């Protein structure tokens, strides 16, 4: 369950940097690895959380190839006995939706068709209810800052990347198969901060201003999650 209150200085959130230096995830429209975006944003979130008193925040940077690294992340988060797990990613699209272009003389790919953030949870997480609660807080804070969520995950064109939309107001989807969301023993959420395969949005994701907006949204959501909940006294 969501804690009625928690002490920020004892509350441990693990910030999982999506992908690894050896297996860098998606490639942006301008040929920058997703891992670069993920690490930069996660470091800023870590810095802000610690500045707000969440001194037990842990940045999780994993090494190795894609699949083995997933189980390393889960083991590390479980060993740390984290209260919350948040995996930081940046989005792309299925290969069949990519178009070709050249950037600075190099062949590249893009898709300007979709943009926006997405928040994912697994219904197989041992604490799905709390995972969903935190996911909704993150998504609502993103939306409150003027960001739009990605709509494409409901579309058949996404193939096996199509996912059920659990919160149509804020943009929370279920992604039940993800190892880092299913196997962690604590509430777990994955944030796709925005699309780096969309040429305009990639430039925005590169900007300090956008990183500041996203990191502020995560910090506000964490404070809401951890902060005192108003007691429900019933109707007057």
Protein backbone atom coordinates (compact mmCIF):
# COMPACT_ATOMS: atom_id res chain seq x y z
CA UNK A 1 0.00 0.00 0.00
CA UNK A 2 1.00 3.64 -0.39
CA UNK A 3 2.57 4.76 2.88
CA UNK A 4 0.46 7.25 4.81
CA UNK A 5 3.73 9.05 5.54
CA UNK A 6 7.38 8.20 5.12
CA UNK A 7 10.63 9.79 6.16
CA UNK A 8 12.40 11.11 3.05
CA UNK A 9 15.82 10.54 4.62
CA UNK A 10 15.04 6.82 5.06
CA UNK A 11 13.05 6.33 1.86
CA UNK A 12 15.10 4.50 -0.76
CA UNK A 13 14.23 4.94 -4.42
CA UNK A 14 16.36 3.11 -6.97
CA UNK A 15 16.77 5.03 -10.24
CA UNK A 16 17.53 2.42 -12.86
CA UNK A 17 19.39 3.81 -15.89
CA UNK A 18 17.81 1.95 -18.81
CA UNK A 19 20.18 -0.13 -20.98
CA UNK A 20 23.98 -0.31 -20.65
CA UNK A 21 27.14 1.08 -22.24
CA UNK A 22 27.51 -2.27 -24.06
CA UNK A 23 23.84 -2.51 -25.07
CA UNK A 24 22.73 1.07 -25.56
CA UNK A 25 19.04 0.72 -26.39
CA UNK A 26 17.44 2.74 -29.16
CA UNK A 27 19.38 5.11 -31.43
CA UNK A 28 18.06 8.64 -31.77
CA UNK A 29 17.26 10.36 -35.06
CA UNK A 30 20.69 12.03 -34.81
CA UNK A 31 22.56 8.80 -33.98
CA UNK A 32 22.88 9.33 -30.21
CA UNK A 33 22.44 6.18 -28.08
CA UNK A 34 19.44 6.06 -25.75
CA UNK A 35 21.75 5.11 -22.87
CA UNK A 36 23.34 8.59 -23.09
CA UNK A 37 19.94 10.26 -22.66
CA UNK A 38 18.92 7.87 -19.87
CA UNK A 39 22.09 8.38 -17.81
CA UNK A 40 21.97 12.16 -18.10
CA UNK A 41 18.33 12.40 -17.03
CA UNK A 42 18.66 9.84 -14.22
CA UNK A 43 21.65 11.74 -12.77
CA UNK A 44 19.62 14.94 -12.71
CA UNK A 45 16.69 13.20 -10.99
CA UNK A 46 19.10 11.72 -8.43
CA UNK A 47 20.61 15.13 -7.72
CA UNK A 48 17.20 16.76 -7.24
CA UNK A 49 15.84 13.96 -5.04
CA UNK A 50 18.88 14.14 -2.76
CA UNK A 51 18.56 17.94 -2.59
CA UNK A 52 14.94 17.43 -1.42
CA UNK A 53 16.07 15.16 1.41
CA UNK A 54 15.79 11.75 -0.29
CA UNK A 55 19.41 11.02 0.58
CA UNK A 56 19.02 7.23 0.24
CA UNK A 57 18.34 7.58 -3.52
CA UNK A 58 20.47 5.09 -5.46
CA UNK A 59 21.51 5.48 -9.10
CA UNK A 60 21.68 2.04 -10.69
CA UNK A 61 24.03 1.82 -13.68
CA UNK A 62 24.26 -1.76 -14.92
CA UNK A 63 26.90 -3.35 -17.13
CA UNK A 64 26.66 -6.13 -19.68
CA UNK A 65 24.47 -7.29 -22.51
CA UNK A 66 20.77 -6.52 -22.63
CA UNK A 67 19.08 -9.63 -21.24
CA UNK A 68 21.53 -10.56 -18.45
CA UNK A 69 21.54 -6.91 -17.34
CA UNK A 70 17.79 -7.07 -16.64
CA UNK A 71 18.24 -9.72 -13.96
CA UNK A 72 21.26 -7.84 -12.52
CA UNK A 73 19.06 -4.77 -12.08
CA UNK A 74 16.34 -6.72 -10.29
CA UNK A 75 18.87 -8.44 -7.99
CA UNK A 76 20.53 -5.10 -7.15
CA UNK A 77 17.21 -3.38 -6.36
CA UNK A 78 16.05 -6.33 -4.24
CA UNK A 79 19.40 -6.44 -2.38
CA UNK A 80 19.13 -2.72 -1.67
CA UNK A 81 15.66 -3.33 -0.17
CA UNK A 82 14.38 -0.33 -2.10
CA UNK A 83 11.02 1.21 -1.32
CA UNK A 84 10.48 2.16 -4.95
CA UNK A 85 12.05 1.32 -8.33
CA UNK A 86 11.96 3.75 -11.26
CA UNK A 87 13.51 2.81 -14.60
CA UNK A 88 14.46 5.74 -16.87
CA UNK A 89 14.18 5.36 -20.65
CA UNK A 90 13.65 7.34 -23.87
CA UNK A 91 11.30 6.11 -26.56
CA UNK A 92 11.51 4.98 -30.17
CA UNK A 93 9.13 3.11 -32.52
CA UNK A 94 9.09 -0.37 -34.07
CA UNK A 95 11.57 -0.71 -36.96
CA UNK A 96 8.80 -1.00 -39.55
CA UNK A 97 7.73 2.60 -38.78
CA UNK A 98 11.21 4.10 -39.29
CA UNK A 99 12.05 6.33 -42.24
CA UNK A 100 15.53 7.03 -43.66
CA UNK A 101 17.36 10.34 -43.62
CA UNK A 102 20.90 11.65 -43.40
CA UNK A 103 22.26 13.64 -40.49
CA UNK A 104 25.71 15.24 -40.74
CA UNK A 105 26.56 12.97 -43.65
CA UNK A 106 25.58 9.77 -41.83
CA UNK A 107 22.67 7.52 -42.63
CA UNK A 108 20.07 7.58 -39.89
CA UNK A 109 16.43 6.81 -39.17
CA UNK A 110 13.55 8.81 -37.77
CA UNK A 111 9.83 8.78 -37.20
CA UNK A 112 8.10 12.12 -36.62
CA UNK A 113 4.73 10.40 -36.43
CA UNK A 114 4.59 9.97 -32.65
CA UNK A 115 5.85 11.86 -29.63
CA UNK A 116 5.31 12.15 -25.89
CA UNK A 117 6.10 10.42 -22.61
CA UNK A 118 4.69 7.08 -21.41
CA UNK A 119 4.58 5.45 -17.99
CA UNK A 120 4.48 1.66 -17.63
CA UNK A 121 3.66 -0.79 -14.83
CA UNK A 122 3.30 -4.57 -14.68
CA UNK A 123 0.16 -6.17 -13.30
CA UNK A 124 2.46 -9.03 -12.24
CA UNK A 125 4.45 -6.85 -9.85
CA UNK A 126 3.91 -8.09 -6.26
CA UNK A 127 2.61 -4.63 -5.35
CA UNK A 128 0.79 -3.65 -8.52
CA UNK A 129 -1.62 -1.27 -6.74
CA UNK A 130 1.19 0.84 -5.33
CA UNK A 131 3.10 0.68 -8.61
CA UNK A 132 0.05 2.04 -10.41
CA UNK A 133 -0.44 4.73 -7.78
CA UNK A 134 3.12 6.04 -8.20
CA UNK A 135 2.91 5.72 -12.01
CA UNK A 136 -0.21 7.89 -12.00
CA UNK A 137 1.52 10.48 -9.80
CA UNK A 138 4.47 10.67 -12.19
CA UNK A 139 2.22 10.88 -15.26
CA UNK A 140 0.00 13.56 -13.72
CA UNK A 141 3.03 15.67 -12.79
CA UNK A 142 4.36 15.35 -16.36
CA UNK A 143 0.98 16.39 -17.73
CA UNK A 144 0.69 19.27 -15.25
CA UNK A 145 3.91 20.65 -16.71
CA UNK A 146 2.40 20.83 -20.18
CA UNK A 147 3.73 17.53 -21.56
CA UNK A 148 1.58 15.15 -23.62
CA UNK A 149 1.62 11.39 -23.33
CA UNK A 150 2.29 9.07 -26.27
CA UNK A 151 -0.90 7.68 -27.77
CA UNK A 152 0.54 5.05 -30.11
CA UNK A 153 0.68 2.13 -27.67
CA UNK A 154 -3.03 1.48 -28.10
CA UNK A 155 -2.73 1.16 -31.89
CA UNK A 156 -2.61 -2.19 -33.75
CA UNK A 157 0.25 -0.81 -35.89
CA UNK A 158 2.49 -1.18 -32.82
CA UNK A 159 2.28 -4.99 -33.12
CA UNK A 160 3.60 -6.72 -29.99
CA UNK A 161 4.44 -3.28 -28.58
CA UNK A 162 0.72 -2.56 -28.26
CA UNK A 163 -0.27 -2.22 -24.58
CA UNK A 164 -3.46 -1.63 -22.57
CA UNK A 165 -3.99 1.95 -21.40
CA UNK A 166 -4.74 1.88 -17.66
CA UNK A 167 -5.09 5.64 -17.14
CA UNK A 168 -6.32 7.51 -20.21
CA UNK A 169 -6.13 10.89 -18.47
CA UNK A 170 -2.43 10.76 -17.61
CA UNK A 171 -0.94 8.10 -19.88
CA UNK A 172 -0.17 4.99 -17.81
CA UNK A 173 0.09 1.67 -19.67
CA UNK A 174 0.56 -1.90 -18.52
CA UNK A 175 3.60 -3.77 -19.81
CA UNK A 176 3.30 -7.03 -17.94
CA UNK A 177 6.24 -8.89 -19.50
CA UNK A 178 9.01 -6.47 -18.49
CA UNK A 179 11.46 -8.24 -16.16
CA UNK A 180 12.37 -5.08 -14.20
CA UNK A 181 8.69 -4.39 -13.45
CA UNK A 182 7.63 -7.99 -12.74
CA UNK A 183 10.51 -9.37 -10.71
CA UNK A 184 11.30 -6.49 -8.37
CA UNK A 185 9.97 -7.01 -4.85
CA UNK A 186 8.99 -3.37 -4.47
CA UNK A 187 6.59 -1.13 -6.44
CA UNK A 188 8.16 -0.55 -9.87
CA UNK A 189 7.54 1.92 -12.68
CA UNK A 190 9.18 2.56 -16.05
CA UNK A 191 9.21 6.06 -17.51
CA UNK A 192 9.72 6.72 -21.22
CA UNK A 193 10.58 10.41 -20.87
CA UNK A 194 9.93 11.24 -24.53
CA UNK A 195 10.68 10.12 -28.08
CA UNK A 196 14.26 10.46 -29.36
CA UNK A 197 13.35 9.05 -32.78
CA UNK A 198 11.07 12.04 -33.40
CA UNK A 199 13.41 14.74 -34.75
CA UNK A 200 11.75 17.70 -33.03
CA UNK A 201 11.24 15.94 -29.73
CA UNK A 202 14.82 14.67 -29.73
CA UNK A 203 16.03 18.29 -29.74
CA UNK A 204 13.71 19.07 -26.85
CA UNK A 205 14.93 15.99 -24.92
CA UNK A 206 18.50 17.23 -25.44
CA UNK A 207 17.71 20.55 -23.77
CA UNK A 208 18.47 21.29 -20.09
CA UNK A 209 14.99 22.85 -19.87
CA UNK A 210 13.23 19.58 -20.74
CA UNK A 211 15.43 17.57 -18.36
CA UNK A 212 14.54 20.08 -15.66
CA UNK A 213 10.80 19.66 -16.36
CA UNK A 214 10.94 15.84 -16.29
CA UNK A 215 13.18 15.62 -13.23
CA UNK A 216 10.99 18.12 -11.37
CA UNK A 217 7.92 16.03 -12.24
CA UNK A 218 9.54 12.86 -10.82
CA UNK A 219 10.61 14.65 -7.64
CA UNK A 220 7.12 16.14 -7.13
CA UNK A 221 5.56 12.69 -7.64
CA UNK A 222 7.99 11.13 -5.13
CA UNK A 223 7.15 13.80 -2.57
CA UNK A 224 3.42 13.20 -3.14
CA UNK A 225 3.93 9.46 -2.82
CA UNK A 226 5.95 9.78 0.36
CA UNK A 227 4.27 12.82 1.85
CA UNK A 228 1.45 12.95 4.35
CA UNK A 229 -1.80 11.74 2.86
CA UNK A 230 -4.87 13.70 3.85
CA UNK A 231 -6.98 11.52 6.15
CA UNK A 232 -10.39 10.76 4.69
CA UNK A 233 -12.98 11.68 7.30
CA UNK A 234 -16.06 10.95 5.25
CA UNK A 235 -18.75 13.41 4.21
CA UNK A 236 -19.33 16.45 6.46
